[in-house]
C-alpha atoms as a PDB file:
ATOM      1  CA  MET A   1     193.865 195.356  59.630  1.00  0.00           C
ATOM      2  CA  LYS A   2     195.090 198.837  60.559  1.00  0.00           C
ATOM      3  CA  CYS A   3     192.931 200.433  57.814  1.00  0.00           C
ATOM      4  CA  GLU A   4     189.791 198.756  59.187  1.00  0.00           C
ATOM      5  CA  THR A   5     190.488 199.981  62.701  1.00  0.00           C
ATOM      6  CA  THR A   6     191.032 203.541  61.473  1.00  0.00           C
ATOM      7  CA  ASN A   7     187.871 203.313  59.380  1.00  0.00           C
ATOM      8  CA  ALA A   8     185.887 202.111  62.403  1.00  0.00           C
ATOM      9  CA  VAL A   9     187.231 204.885  64.630  1.00  0.00           C
ATOM     10  CA  LEU A  10     186.527 207.560  62.034  1.00  0.00           C
ATOM     11  CA  THR A  11     183.034 206.170  61.436  1.00  0.00           C
ATOM     12  CA  PHE A  12     182.344 206.223  65.176  1.00  0.00           C
ATOM     13  CA  ILE A  13     183.584 209.825  65.438  1.00  0.00           C
ATOM     14  CA  LEU A  14     181.434 210.842  62.456  1.00  0.00           C
ATOM     15  CA  GLY A  15     178.392 209.150  64.043  1.00  0.00           C
ATOM     16  CA  ALA A  16     179.041 210.927  67.315  1.00  0.00           C
ATOM     17  CA  LEU A  17     179.327 214.317  65.580  1.00  0.00           C
ATOM     18  CA  VAL A  18     176.119 213.692  63.624  1.00  0.00           C
ATOM     19  CA  LEU A  19     174.319 212.802  66.849  1.00  0.00           C
ATOM     20  CA  LEU A  20     175.658 215.944  68.554  1.00  0.00           C
ATOM     21  CA  GLY A  21     174.539 217.999  65.569  1.00  0.00           C
ATOM     22  CA  VAL A  22     170.997 216.616  65.847  1.00  0.00           C
ATOM     23  CA  ILE A  23     170.918 217.223  69.616  1.00  0.00           C
ATOM     24  CA  PHE A  24     172.105 220.825  69.192  1.00  0.00           C
ATOM     25  CA  ALA A  25     169.600 221.442  66.405  1.00  0.00           C
ATOM     26  CA  LEU A  26     166.731 220.163  68.588  1.00  0.00           C
ATOM     27  CA  LYS A  27     167.899 222.305  71.514  1.00  0.00           C
ATOM     28  CA  THR A  28     168.057 225.356  69.229  1.00  0.00           C
ATOM     29  CA  ILE A  29     164.536 224.725  67.973  1.00  0.00           C
ATOM     30  CA  ASN A  30     163.240 224.355  71.520  1.00  0.00           C
ATOM     31  CA  GLN A  31     164.950 227.504  72.754  1.00  0.00           C
ATOM     32  CA  THR A  32     163.719 229.471  69.743  1.00  0.00           C
ATOM     33  CA  ARG A  33     160.140 228.437  70.524  1.00  0.00           C
ATOM     34  CA  GLU A  34     160.542 229.455  74.159  1.00  0.00           C
ATOM     35  CA  LEU A  35     162.051 232.795  73.182  1.00  0.00           C
ATOM     36  CA  ARG A  36     159.195 233.456  70.781  1.00  0.00           C
ATOM     37  CA  LEU A  37     156.667 232.716  73.527  1.00  0.00           C
ATOM     38  CA  VAL A  38     158.413 235.044  75.944  1.00  0.00           C
ATOM     39  CA  ALA A  39     158.663 237.783  73.333  1.00  0.00           C
ATOM     40  CA  ASN A  40     154.964 237.458  72.492  1.00  0.00           C
ATOM     41  CA  ARG A  41     154.064 237.676  76.161  1.00  0.00           C
ATOM     42  CA  ALA A  42     156.267 240.744  76.604  1.00  0.00           C
ATOM     43  CA  THR A  43     154.544 242.369  73.626  1.00  0.00           C
ATOM     44  CA  GLU A  44     151.133 241.605  75.170  1.00  0.00           C
ATOM     45  CA  LEU A  45     152.223 243.180  78.465  1.00  0.00           C
ATOM     46  CA  VAL A  46     153.432 246.334  76.730  1.00  0.00           C
ATOM     47  CA  ARG A  47     150.127 246.624  74.839  1.00  0.00           C
ATOM     48  CA  GLU A  48     148.137 246.088  78.051  1.00  0.00           C
ATOM     49  CA  GLN A  49     150.173 248.733  79.843  1.00  0.00           C
ATOM     50  CA  ALA A  50     149.741 251.191  76.997  1.00  0.00           C
ATOM     51  CA  PHE A  51     145.988 250.561  76.978  1.00  0.00           C
ATOM     52  CA  PHE A  52     145.806 251.053  80.740  1.00  0.00           C
ATOM     53  CA  ASN A  53     147.791 254.298  80.478  1.00  0.00           C
ATOM     54  CA  ASN A  54     145.412 255.494  77.794  1.00  0.00           C
ATOM     55  CA  CYS A  55     142.465 254.662  80.075  1.00  0.00           C
ATOM     56  CA  LEU A  56     144.055 256.679  82.897  1.00  0.00           C
ATOM     57  CA  GLU A  57     144.528 259.662  80.579  1.00  0.00           C
ATOM     58  CA  TYR A  58     140.936 259.376  79.455  1.00  0.00           C
ATOM     59  CA  SER A  59     139.741 259.235  83.052  1.00  0.00           C
ATOM     60  CA  LYS A  60     141.263 262.635  83.717  1.00  0.00           C
ATOM     61  CA  THR A  61     138.626 264.230  81.467  1.00  0.00           C
ATOM     62  CA  HIS A  62     135.829 261.674  81.938  1.00  0.00           C
ATOM     63  CA  ALA A  63     135.253 260.867  85.589  1.00  0.00           C
ATOM     64  CA  ASP A  64     132.635 258.195  84.892  1.00  0.00           C
ATOM     65  CA  ILE A  65     135.346 255.621  84.122  1.00  0.00           C
ATOM     66  CA  ASN A  66     137.136 256.089  87.424  1.00  0.00           C
ATOM     67  CA  ARG A  67     134.927 253.610  89.261  1.00  0.00           C
ATOM     68  CA  ILE A  68     136.004 250.925  86.784  1.00  0.00           C
ATOM     69  CA  LEU A  69     139.694 251.799  86.893  1.00  0.00           C
ATOM     70  CA  GLN A  70     139.996 252.299  90.657  1.00  0.00           C
ATOM     71  CA  PRO A  71     140.621 248.624  91.537  1.00  0.00           C
ATOM     72  CA  LEU A  72     143.357 248.416  88.895  1.00  0.00           C
ATOM     73  CA  VAL A  73     145.374 251.456  89.970  1.00  0.00           C
ATOM     74  CA  PRO A  74     148.430 250.330  92.005  1.00  0.00           C
ATOM     75  CA  LYS A  75     148.583 251.518  95.564  1.00  0.00           C
ATOM     76  CA  PRO A  76     151.646 253.530  96.665  1.00  0.00           C
ATOM     77  CA  ALA A  77     154.146 251.446  98.556  1.00  0.00           C
ATOM     78  CA  ALA A  78     154.340 252.099 102.305  1.00  0.00           C
ATOM     79  CA  HIS A  79     157.877 252.843 103.488  1.00  0.00           C
END
């Protein structure tokens, strides 16, 4: 009788640990996907900023692009 009780307890503990392992694996997969999305968005923002900076440099020698870039240039903050 004692052996069956021990076996049942150990089987329950094993089942609980397997369930926790599955839950943690799913959470890890979800967080990895979210991190990848955030990293991709950050990369896009860096590329957009680099492109905009290149456009600003180009506008210093070619004034015809200034009318296009003017709405995009940030205004200085008023103190």
